[in-house]
Amino acid sequence: MRSPKFFAAIAVSLLALAPVSASAEVVGKVGVDWTGNDILVDAVADPEVSGVTCHVTYFDRSVIDRLRKGNWFEDPSNSSIACRQTGPIEIGNISLSESGEEVFRAGLSLVWKKLVVTRIYDKKNDTLVYLIHSRQLTDGSAKMAISTIPLFGQQVTWKNGKPK
């Protein structure tokens, strides 16, 4: 039998391999009905692009709504995003691939459904594109939104040099 230290070492190793994900700060909470359902507004800072803040909105179901309608462990996929320059832009080590990279993830269900913000660099148009969508194990959702930060004509610092 393996020791607890062995399992702790594996857990720490797996956490070290996990992608960096931005943290969110709740900046608004709007009640939408008498059952306690809310729309939450989070401010999300991109961990590799300083000077950019995304505001993400999503629906947070109340306990009363969960009991009344069933589907106890899941929130809807409805969400929205708006990203703006909120300071001098400094870009670190970002993915330049067409699929971009995940910068934020939050659970919308107990296990299977995640709210995800992905950053894509549109090199041709010198623009950062932020896509919000839900990711599910079995059924993907077509509900999505994007926000863009044009870099053309802006004072932008690239830590590793601007991509050619």
N, C-alpha and C. Protein backbone atom coordinates (compact mmCIF):
# COMPACT_ATOMS: atom_id res chain seq x y z
N MET A 1 0.85 -1.18 0.00
CA MET A 1 0.00 0.00 0.00
C MET A 1 0.89 1.25 0.00
N ARG A 2 0.51 2.23 -0.75
CA ARG A 2 1.27 3.48 -0.86
C ARG A 2 1.03 4.38 0.34
N SER A 3 2.02 5.19 0.65
CA SER A 3 1.91 6.09 1.79
C SER A 3 1.14 7.35 1.40
N PRO A 4 0.58 8.06 2.39
CA PRO A 4 -0.11 9.32 2.10
C PRO A 4 0.82 10.35 1.45
N LYS A 5 2.10 10.31 1.77
CA LYS A 5 3.06 11.25 1.16
C LYS A 5 3.16 11.03 -0.34
N PHE A 6 3.07 9.77 -0.78
CA PHE A 6 3.12 9.44 -2.20
C PHE A 6 1.95 10.10 -2.93
N PHE A 7 0.73 9.95 -2.37
CA PHE A 7 -0.45 10.53 -3.00
C PHE A 7 -0.41 12.06 -2.95
N ALA A 8 0.12 12.62 -1.89
CA ALA A 8 0.26 14.08 -1.81
C ALA A 8 1.23 14.58 -2.87
N ALA A 9 2.33 13.84 -3.10
CA ALA A 9 3.30 14.23 -4.12
C ALA A 9 2.67 14.18 -5.51
N ILE A 10 1.85 13.19 -5.77
CA ILE A 10 1.17 13.09 -7.07
C ILE A 10 0.20 14.25 -7.23
N ALA A 11 -0.56 14.57 -6.20
CA ALA A 11 -1.52 15.67 -6.27
C ALA A 11 -0.81 16.99 -6.55
N VAL A 12 0.29 17.24 -5.87
CA VAL A 12 1.05 18.48 -6.09
C VAL A 12 1.59 18.52 -7.51
N SER A 13 2.06 17.39 -8.02
CA SER A 13 2.58 17.32 -9.39
C SER A 13 1.49 17.63 -10.40
N LEU A 14 0.29 17.09 -10.20
CA LEU A 14 -0.81 17.35 -11.12
C LEU A 14 -1.22 18.82 -11.08
N LEU A 15 -1.24 19.42 -9.90
CA LEU A 15 -1.57 20.84 -9.80
C LEU A 15 -0.54 21.71 -10.51
N ALA A 16 0.71 21.31 -10.47
CA ALA A 16 1.77 22.07 -11.14
C ALA A 16 1.60 22.02 -12.66
N LEU A 17 1.01 20.94 -13.17
CA LEU A 17 0.80 20.81 -14.61
C LEU A 17 -0.48 21.48 -15.09
N ALA A 18 -1.36 21.86 -14.17
CA ALA A 18 -2.63 22.48 -14.55
C ALA A 18 -2.38 23.84 -15.17
N PRO A 19 -3.22 24.24 -16.15
CA PRO A 19 -3.03 25.54 -16.77
C PRO A 19 -3.33 26.67 -15.79
N VAL A 20 -2.65 27.79 -16.00
CA VAL A 20 -2.91 28.96 -15.17
C VAL A 20 -4.29 29.48 -15.53
N SER A 21 -5.09 29.74 -14.55
CA SER A 21 -6.42 30.26 -14.80
C SER A 21 -6.60 31.53 -13.98
N ALA A 22 -7.19 32.51 -14.61
CA ALA A 22 -7.44 33.77 -13.93
C ALA A 22 -8.45 33.57 -12.81
N SER A 23 -8.39 34.42 -11.83
CA SER A 23 -9.39 34.37 -10.78
C SER A 23 -10.42 35.47 -11.04
N ALA A 24 -11.62 35.25 -10.56
CA ALA A 24 -12.69 36.21 -10.77
C ALA A 24 -13.06 36.87 -9.45
N GLU A 25 -13.46 38.12 -9.56
CA GLU A 25 -13.93 38.87 -8.40
C GLU A 25 -15.36 39.30 -8.69
N VAL A 26 -16.29 38.92 -7.83
CA VAL A 26 -17.68 39.32 -8.02
C VAL A 26 -17.77 40.82 -7.79
N VAL A 27 -18.25 41.55 -8.81
CA VAL A 27 -18.39 43.01 -8.70
C VAL A 27 -19.85 43.44 -8.75
N GLY A 28 -20.75 42.50 -9.05
CA GLY A 28 -22.17 42.83 -9.09
C GLY A 28 -23.02 41.59 -8.92
N LYS A 29 -24.20 41.79 -8.34
CA LYS A 29 -25.15 40.70 -8.14
C LYS A 29 -26.54 41.30 -8.23
N VAL A 30 -27.30 40.89 -9.26
CA VAL A 30 -28.61 41.46 -9.51
C VAL A 30 -29.66 40.36 -9.37
N GLY A 31 -30.60 40.56 -8.45
CA GLY A 31 -31.70 39.61 -8.29
C GLY A 31 -32.67 39.75 -9.44
N VAL A 32 -33.16 38.62 -9.96
CA VAL A 32 -34.04 38.68 -11.12
C VAL A 32 -35.46 38.19 -10.85
N ASP A 33 -35.69 37.53 -9.71
CA ASP A 33 -37.05 37.07 -9.40
C ASP A 33 -37.19 36.80 -7.91
N TRP A 34 -38.40 36.46 -7.50
CA TRP A 34 -38.70 36.26 -6.07
C TRP A 34 -38.08 34.98 -5.51
N THR A 35 -37.66 34.04 -6.38
CA THR A 35 -37.11 32.77 -5.88
C THR A 35 -35.64 32.88 -5.49
N GLY A 36 -35.01 34.01 -5.76
CA GLY A 36 -33.61 34.20 -5.37
C GLY A 36 -32.60 33.95 -6.47
N ASN A 37 -33.08 33.77 -7.71
CA ASN A 37 -32.13 33.64 -8.83
C ASN A 37 -31.43 34.97 -9.04
N ASP A 38 -30.15 34.90 -9.40
CA ASP A 38 -29.35 36.11 -9.56
C ASP A 38 -28.56 36.08 -10.86
N ILE A 39 -28.22 37.25 -11.34
CA ILE A 39 -27.22 37.39 -12.40
C ILE A 39 -25.98 37.93 -11.70
N LEU A 40 -24.87 37.22 -11.83
CA LEU A 40 -23.61 37.63 -11.23
C LEU A 40 -22.74 38.30 -12.28
N VAL A 41 -22.02 39.33 -11.87
CA VAL A 41 -21.06 40.01 -12.73
C VAL A 41 -19.69 39.86 -12.07
N ASP A 42 -18.78 39.20 -12.79
CA ASP A 42 -17.42 38.98 -12.30
C ASP A 42 -16.44 39.80 -13.11
N ALA A 43 -15.41 40.33 -12.47
CA ALA A 43 -14.28 40.96 -13.16
C ALA A 43 -13.17 39.91 -13.22
N VAL A 44 -12.69 39.64 -14.42
CA VAL A 44 -11.66 38.62 -14.64
C VAL A 44 -10.46 39.30 -15.30
N ALA A 45 -9.32 39.23 -14.64
CA ALA A 45 -8.08 39.77 -15.21
C ALA A 45 -7.34 38.63 -15.91
N ASP A 46 -6.87 38.88 -17.13
CA ASP A 46 -6.12 37.87 -17.88
C ASP A 46 -4.75 37.71 -17.23
N PRO A 47 -4.37 36.49 -16.82
CA PRO A 47 -3.08 36.31 -16.13
C PRO A 47 -1.86 36.57 -17.00
N GLU A 48 -2.00 36.53 -18.33
CA GLU A 48 -0.85 36.75 -19.22
C GLU A 48 -0.93 38.08 -19.97
N VAL A 49 -2.00 38.83 -19.78
CA VAL A 49 -2.16 40.12 -20.46
C VAL A 49 -2.59 41.14 -19.41
N SER A 50 -1.62 41.87 -18.88
CA SER A 50 -1.99 42.89 -17.89
C SER A 50 -2.56 44.09 -18.63
N GLY A 51 -3.46 44.80 -17.96
CA GLY A 51 -4.09 45.96 -18.58
C GLY A 51 -5.38 45.64 -19.30
N VAL A 52 -5.84 44.38 -19.22
CA VAL A 52 -7.10 43.97 -19.82
C VAL A 52 -7.96 43.33 -18.73
N THR A 53 -9.21 43.78 -18.62
CA THR A 53 -10.16 43.18 -17.69
C THR A 53 -11.40 42.78 -18.47
N CYS A 54 -11.86 41.56 -18.22
CA CYS A 54 -13.11 41.09 -18.83
C CYS A 54 -14.17 41.04 -17.75
N HIS A 55 -15.35 41.53 -18.08
CA HIS A 55 -16.50 41.41 -17.18
C HIS A 55 -17.39 40.32 -17.76
N VAL A 56 -17.63 39.33 -16.93
CA VAL A 56 -18.38 38.13 -17.32
C VAL A 56 -19.68 38.11 -16.52
N THR A 57 -20.80 37.87 -17.20
CA THR A 57 -22.07 37.72 -16.50
C THR A 57 -22.58 36.31 -16.71
N TYR A 58 -23.24 35.78 -15.69
CA TYR A 58 -23.84 34.45 -15.79
C TYR A 58 -24.95 34.33 -14.77
N PHE A 59 -25.78 33.33 -14.96
CA PHE A 59 -26.97 33.10 -14.15
C PHE A 59 -26.63 32.17 -13.00
N ASP A 60 -27.06 32.52 -11.82
CA ASP A 60 -26.84 31.71 -10.62
C ASP A 60 -28.20 31.31 -10.05
N ARG A 61 -28.54 30.01 -10.18
CA ARG A 61 -29.85 29.52 -9.73
C ARG A 61 -29.91 29.39 -8.21
N SER A 62 -31.05 29.73 -7.67
CA SER A 62 -31.28 29.65 -6.22
C SER A 62 -31.66 28.23 -5.82
N VAL A 63 -31.60 27.97 -4.53
CA VAL A 63 -32.01 26.67 -4.00
C VAL A 63 -33.50 26.45 -4.27
N ILE A 64 -34.31 27.49 -4.11
CA ILE A 64 -35.76 27.36 -4.35
C ILE A 64 -36.01 26.95 -5.79
N ASP A 65 -35.32 27.59 -6.75
CA ASP A 65 -35.49 27.27 -8.17
C ASP A 65 -35.04 25.84 -8.46
N ARG A 66 -33.95 25.42 -7.86
CA ARG A 66 -33.46 24.05 -8.06
C ARG A 66 -34.47 23.04 -7.54
N LEU A 67 -35.05 23.28 -6.38
CA LEU A 67 -36.05 22.37 -5.81
C LEU A 67 -37.33 22.35 -6.65
N ARG A 68 -37.73 23.52 -7.12
CA ARG A 68 -38.98 23.65 -7.87
C ARG A 68 -38.89 23.01 -9.25
N LYS A 69 -37.75 23.17 -9.95
CA LYS A 69 -37.63 22.72 -11.35
C LYS A 69 -36.81 21.45 -11.51
N GLY A 70 -36.18 20.98 -10.47
CA GLY A 70 -35.31 19.82 -10.61
C GLY A 70 -33.97 20.24 -11.21
N ASN A 71 -33.28 19.30 -11.84
CA ASN A 71 -31.96 19.59 -12.41
C ASN A 71 -31.10 20.28 -11.35
N TRP A 72 -31.03 19.67 -10.20
CA TRP A 72 -30.44 20.20 -8.98
C TRP A 72 -29.01 20.71 -9.14
N PHE A 73 -28.18 20.03 -9.92
CA PHE A 73 -26.74 20.28 -9.90
C PHE A 73 -26.24 21.16 -11.04
N GLU A 74 -27.10 21.86 -11.77
CA GLU A 74 -26.63 22.56 -12.96
C GLU A 74 -27.21 23.96 -13.09
N ASP A 75 -26.36 24.90 -13.52
CA ASP A 75 -26.79 26.25 -13.88
C ASP A 75 -26.90 26.34 -15.40
N PRO A 76 -27.73 27.27 -15.92
CA PRO A 76 -27.84 27.43 -17.38
C PRO A 76 -26.52 27.89 -18.01
N SER A 77 -26.39 27.68 -19.29
CA SER A 77 -25.18 28.06 -20.03
C SER A 77 -25.18 29.52 -20.45
N ASN A 78 -26.22 30.25 -20.18
CA ASN A 78 -26.31 31.65 -20.61
C ASN A 78 -25.22 32.48 -19.95
N SER A 79 -24.48 33.23 -20.76
CA SER A 79 -23.42 34.08 -20.24
C SER A 79 -23.11 35.18 -21.25
N SER A 80 -22.38 36.18 -20.79
CA SER A 80 -21.99 37.28 -21.65
C SER A 80 -20.62 37.77 -21.21
N ILE A 81 -19.91 38.46 -22.12
CA ILE A 81 -18.57 38.94 -21.80
C ILE A 81 -18.34 40.30 -22.46
N ALA A 82 -17.63 41.17 -21.76
CA ALA A 82 -17.17 42.43 -22.32
C ALA A 82 -15.76 42.67 -21.77
N CYS A 83 -14.80 42.82 -22.66
CA CYS A 83 -13.40 43.04 -22.25
C CYS A 83 -12.97 44.43 -22.70
N ARG A 84 -12.21 45.10 -21.84
CA ARG A 84 -11.73 46.44 -22.15
C ARG A 84 -10.32 46.62 -21.62
N GLN A 85 -9.64 47.58 -22.24
CA GLN A 85 -8.32 47.97 -21.73
C GLN A 85 -8.55 48.79 -20.46
N THR A 86 -7.90 48.36 -19.37
CA THR A 86 -8.08 49.04 -18.09
C THR A 86 -6.74 49.55 -17.54
N GLY A 87 -5.71 49.52 -18.36
CA GLY A 87 -4.39 49.98 -17.98
C GLY A 87 -3.43 49.74 -19.12
N PRO A 88 -2.14 50.02 -18.93
CA PRO A 88 -1.15 49.75 -19.97
C PRO A 88 -1.13 48.24 -20.29
N ILE A 89 -1.15 47.91 -21.57
CA ILE A 89 -1.19 46.50 -21.97
C ILE A 89 0.22 45.94 -22.06
N GLU A 90 0.43 44.85 -21.32
CA GLU A 90 1.69 44.10 -21.37
C GLU A 90 1.34 42.63 -21.58
N ILE A 91 1.82 42.09 -22.70
CA ILE A 91 1.47 40.72 -23.07
C ILE A 91 2.63 39.79 -22.76
N GLY A 92 2.32 38.77 -21.99
CA GLY A 92 3.32 37.77 -21.61
C GLY A 92 3.39 36.63 -22.60
N ASN A 93 3.54 35.45 -22.10
CA ASN A 93 3.68 34.25 -22.93
C ASN A 93 2.30 33.70 -23.27
N ILE A 94 1.71 34.18 -24.37
CA ILE A 94 0.38 33.72 -24.77
C ILE A 94 0.48 32.73 -25.92
N SER A 95 -0.55 31.91 -26.02
CA SER A 95 -0.63 30.97 -27.14
C SER A 95 -0.96 31.74 -28.42
N LEU A 96 -0.28 31.40 -29.49
CA LEU A 96 -0.56 32.01 -30.78
C LEU A 96 -1.33 31.05 -31.70
N SER A 97 -1.75 29.91 -31.15
CA SER A 97 -2.46 28.92 -31.95
C SER A 97 -3.88 29.38 -32.26
N GLU A 98 -4.45 28.79 -33.30
CA GLU A 98 -5.80 29.11 -33.72
C GLU A 98 -6.83 28.77 -32.64
N SER A 99 -6.55 27.78 -31.81
CA SER A 99 -7.49 27.39 -30.76
C SER A 99 -7.33 28.24 -29.50
N GLY A 100 -6.30 29.06 -29.44
CA GLY A 100 -6.10 29.95 -28.31
C GLY A 100 -5.80 29.21 -27.03
N GLU A 101 -6.08 29.87 -25.91
CA GLU A 101 -5.86 29.21 -24.62
C GLU A 101 -6.88 29.69 -23.60
N GLU A 102 -7.22 28.79 -22.72
CA GLU A 102 -8.18 29.07 -21.66
C GLU A 102 -7.55 29.99 -20.62
N VAL A 103 -8.28 31.06 -20.28
CA VAL A 103 -7.77 31.97 -19.26
C VAL A 103 -8.62 31.98 -18.01
N PHE A 104 -9.83 31.42 -18.09
CA PHE A 104 -10.71 31.37 -16.93
C PHE A 104 -11.67 30.20 -17.09
N ARG A 105 -11.97 29.55 -15.94
CA ARG A 105 -12.92 28.43 -15.95
C ARG A 105 -13.64 28.41 -14.61
N ALA A 106 -14.96 28.22 -14.66
CA ALA A 106 -15.76 28.11 -13.44
C ALA A 106 -16.80 27.02 -13.65
N GLY A 107 -17.11 26.29 -12.61
CA GLY A 107 -18.08 25.20 -12.70
C GLY A 107 -19.51 25.71 -12.78
N LEU A 108 -20.29 25.13 -13.69
CA LEU A 108 -21.72 25.41 -13.79
C LEU A 108 -22.55 24.20 -13.35
N SER A 109 -21.88 23.12 -13.06
CA SER A 109 -22.56 21.94 -12.54
C SER A 109 -21.62 21.26 -11.56
N LEU A 110 -22.13 20.24 -10.91
CA LEU A 110 -21.34 19.55 -9.91
C LEU A 110 -20.04 19.00 -10.50
N VAL A 111 -20.11 18.43 -11.71
CA VAL A 111 -18.92 17.82 -12.30
C VAL A 111 -18.73 18.16 -13.77
N TRP A 112 -19.76 18.11 -14.59
CA TRP A 112 -19.61 18.00 -16.04
C TRP A 112 -19.57 19.30 -16.82
N LYS A 113 -20.10 20.38 -16.33
CA LYS A 113 -20.27 21.58 -17.14
C LYS A 113 -19.43 22.73 -16.59
N LYS A 114 -18.69 23.39 -17.49
CA LYS A 114 -17.81 24.50 -17.10
C LYS A 114 -18.12 25.73 -17.96
N LEU A 115 -18.01 26.89 -17.34
CA LEU A 115 -18.03 28.17 -18.04
C LEU A 115 -16.58 28.51 -18.33
N VAL A 116 -16.25 28.78 -19.59
CA VAL A 116 -14.86 28.95 -20.00
C VAL A 116 -14.68 30.25 -20.77
N VAL A 117 -13.58 30.96 -20.47
CA VAL A 117 -13.16 32.11 -21.28
C VAL A 117 -11.85 31.71 -21.95
N THR A 118 -11.83 31.79 -23.28
CA THR A 118 -10.65 31.46 -24.07
C THR A 118 -10.16 32.71 -24.78
N ARG A 119 -8.82 32.92 -24.74
CA ARG A 119 -8.21 34.05 -25.44
C ARG A 119 -7.59 33.55 -26.74
N ILE A 120 -7.87 34.25 -27.83
CA ILE A 120 -7.29 33.93 -29.15
C ILE A 120 -6.63 35.19 -29.66
N TYR A 121 -5.40 35.07 -30.17
CA TYR A 121 -4.74 36.22 -30.77
C TYR A 121 -4.97 36.18 -32.27
N ASP A 122 -5.64 37.18 -32.81
CA ASP A 122 -5.87 37.34 -34.25
C ASP A 122 -4.69 38.17 -34.77
N LYS A 123 -3.67 37.46 -35.25
CA LYS A 123 -2.43 38.10 -35.67
C LYS A 123 -2.65 39.05 -36.86
N LYS A 124 -3.43 38.61 -37.83
CA LYS A 124 -3.66 39.43 -39.03
C LYS A 124 -4.26 40.79 -38.69
N ASN A 125 -5.18 40.81 -37.73
CA ASN A 125 -5.86 42.05 -37.36
C ASN A 125 -5.33 42.65 -36.06
N ASP A 126 -4.25 42.06 -35.53
CA ASP A 126 -3.60 42.54 -34.31
C ASP A 126 -4.63 42.82 -33.20
N THR A 127 -5.38 41.76 -32.87
CA THR A 127 -6.48 41.88 -31.94
C THR A 127 -6.53 40.68 -31.00
N LEU A 128 -6.81 40.94 -29.73
CA LEU A 128 -7.08 39.86 -28.78
C LEU A 128 -8.58 39.59 -28.80
N VAL A 129 -8.96 38.33 -28.95
CA VAL A 129 -10.36 37.93 -28.98
C VAL A 129 -10.61 37.09 -27.74
N TYR A 130 -11.63 37.44 -26.98
CA TYR A 130 -12.02 36.66 -25.80
C TYR A 130 -13.38 36.03 -26.08
N LEU A 131 -13.44 34.71 -25.99
CA LEU A 131 -14.64 33.92 -26.26
C LEU A 131 -15.12 33.31 -24.95
N ILE A 132 -16.41 33.49 -24.64
CA ILE A 132 -17.00 32.81 -23.49
C ILE A 132 -17.98 31.78 -24.00
N HIS A 133 -17.92 30.58 -23.41
CA HIS A 133 -18.82 29.49 -23.80
C HIS A 133 -18.86 28.48 -22.67
N SER A 134 -19.77 27.52 -22.79
CA SER A 134 -19.77 26.45 -21.80
C SER A 134 -19.17 25.21 -22.44
N ARG A 135 -18.52 24.42 -21.61
CA ARG A 135 -17.93 23.16 -22.07
C ARG A 135 -18.61 22.05 -21.27
N GLN A 136 -19.15 21.07 -22.01
CA GLN A 136 -19.80 19.94 -21.37
C GLN A 136 -19.18 18.65 -21.86
N LEU A 137 -19.24 17.65 -21.02
CA LEU A 137 -18.65 16.37 -21.37
C LEU A 137 -19.36 15.72 -22.55
N THR A 138 -20.70 15.79 -22.59
CA THR A 138 -21.42 15.09 -23.64
C THR A 138 -22.08 16.00 -24.65
N ASP A 139 -22.79 17.03 -24.20
CA ASP A 139 -23.53 17.90 -25.12
C ASP A 139 -22.95 19.31 -25.08
N GLY A 140 -22.32 19.70 -26.17
CA GLY A 140 -21.79 21.06 -26.25
C GLY A 140 -22.93 22.05 -26.38
N SER A 141 -22.68 23.29 -26.05
CA SER A 141 -23.69 24.33 -26.14
C SER A 141 -23.31 25.33 -27.23
N ALA A 142 -24.29 25.80 -27.95
CA ALA A 142 -24.06 26.80 -28.99
C ALA A 142 -24.16 28.22 -28.43
N LYS A 143 -24.39 28.35 -27.13
CA LYS A 143 -24.49 29.67 -26.52
C LYS A 143 -23.08 30.20 -26.26
N MET A 144 -22.76 31.34 -26.86
CA MET A 144 -21.42 31.91 -26.73
C MET A 144 -21.48 33.41 -26.96
N ALA A 145 -20.39 34.08 -26.62
CA ALA A 145 -20.25 35.51 -26.89
C ALA A 145 -18.77 35.81 -27.00
N ILE A 146 -18.44 36.90 -27.71
CA ILE A 146 -17.04 37.32 -27.82
C ILE A 146 -16.90 38.79 -27.49
N SER A 147 -15.68 39.15 -27.15
CA SER A 147 -15.31 40.55 -26.96
C SER A 147 -13.89 40.68 -27.50
N THR A 148 -13.56 41.83 -28.06
CA THR A 148 -12.23 42.00 -28.65
C THR A 148 -11.52 43.21 -28.08
N ILE A 149 -10.19 43.11 -28.07
CA ILE A 149 -9.32 44.22 -27.69
C ILE A 149 -8.40 44.48 -28.88
N PRO A 150 -8.66 45.52 -29.68
CA PRO A 150 -7.76 45.83 -30.80
C PRO A 150 -6.44 46.39 -30.26
N LEU A 151 -5.35 45.88 -30.79
CA LEU A 151 -4.02 46.33 -30.35
C LEU A 151 -3.41 47.33 -31.33
N PHE A 152 -3.95 47.44 -32.53
CA PHE A 152 -3.43 48.34 -33.55
C PHE A 152 -3.43 49.78 -33.04
N GLY A 153 -2.30 50.42 -33.13
CA GLY A 153 -2.18 51.81 -32.73
C GLY A 153 -2.09 52.01 -31.22
N GLN A 154 -2.10 50.94 -30.46
CA GLN A 154 -2.00 51.02 -29.00
C GLN A 154 -0.54 50.87 -28.56
N GLN A 155 -0.23 51.40 -27.41
CA GLN A 155 1.09 51.21 -26.80
C GLN A 155 1.05 49.86 -26.09
N VAL A 156 1.62 48.83 -26.75
CA VAL A 156 1.57 47.48 -26.22
C VAL A 156 3.00 46.98 -26.02
N THR A 157 3.27 46.40 -24.86
CA THR A 157 4.57 45.80 -24.58
C THR A 157 4.43 44.29 -24.66
N TRP A 158 5.24 43.67 -25.50
CA TRP A 158 5.28 42.22 -25.61
C TRP A 158 6.52 41.74 -24.88
N LYS A 159 6.37 40.96 -23.83
CA LYS A 159 7.51 40.48 -23.05
C LYS A 159 8.48 39.64 -23.90
N ASN A 160 7.94 38.87 -24.84
CA ASN A 160 8.77 38.01 -25.69
C ASN A 160 8.92 38.54 -27.10
N GLY A 161 8.58 39.80 -27.31
CA GLY A 161 8.65 40.40 -28.66
C GLY A 161 7.36 40.12 -29.41
N LYS A 162 6.91 41.07 -30.19
CA LYS A 162 5.68 40.91 -30.95
C LYS A 162 5.85 39.82 -32.00
N PRO A 163 4.85 38.93 -32.14
CA PRO A 163 4.95 37.87 -33.15
C PRO A 163 5.02 38.44 -34.56
N LYS A 164 5.84 37.82 -35.38
CA LYS A 164 6.01 38.26 -36.78
C LYS A 164 5.04 37.56 -37.68
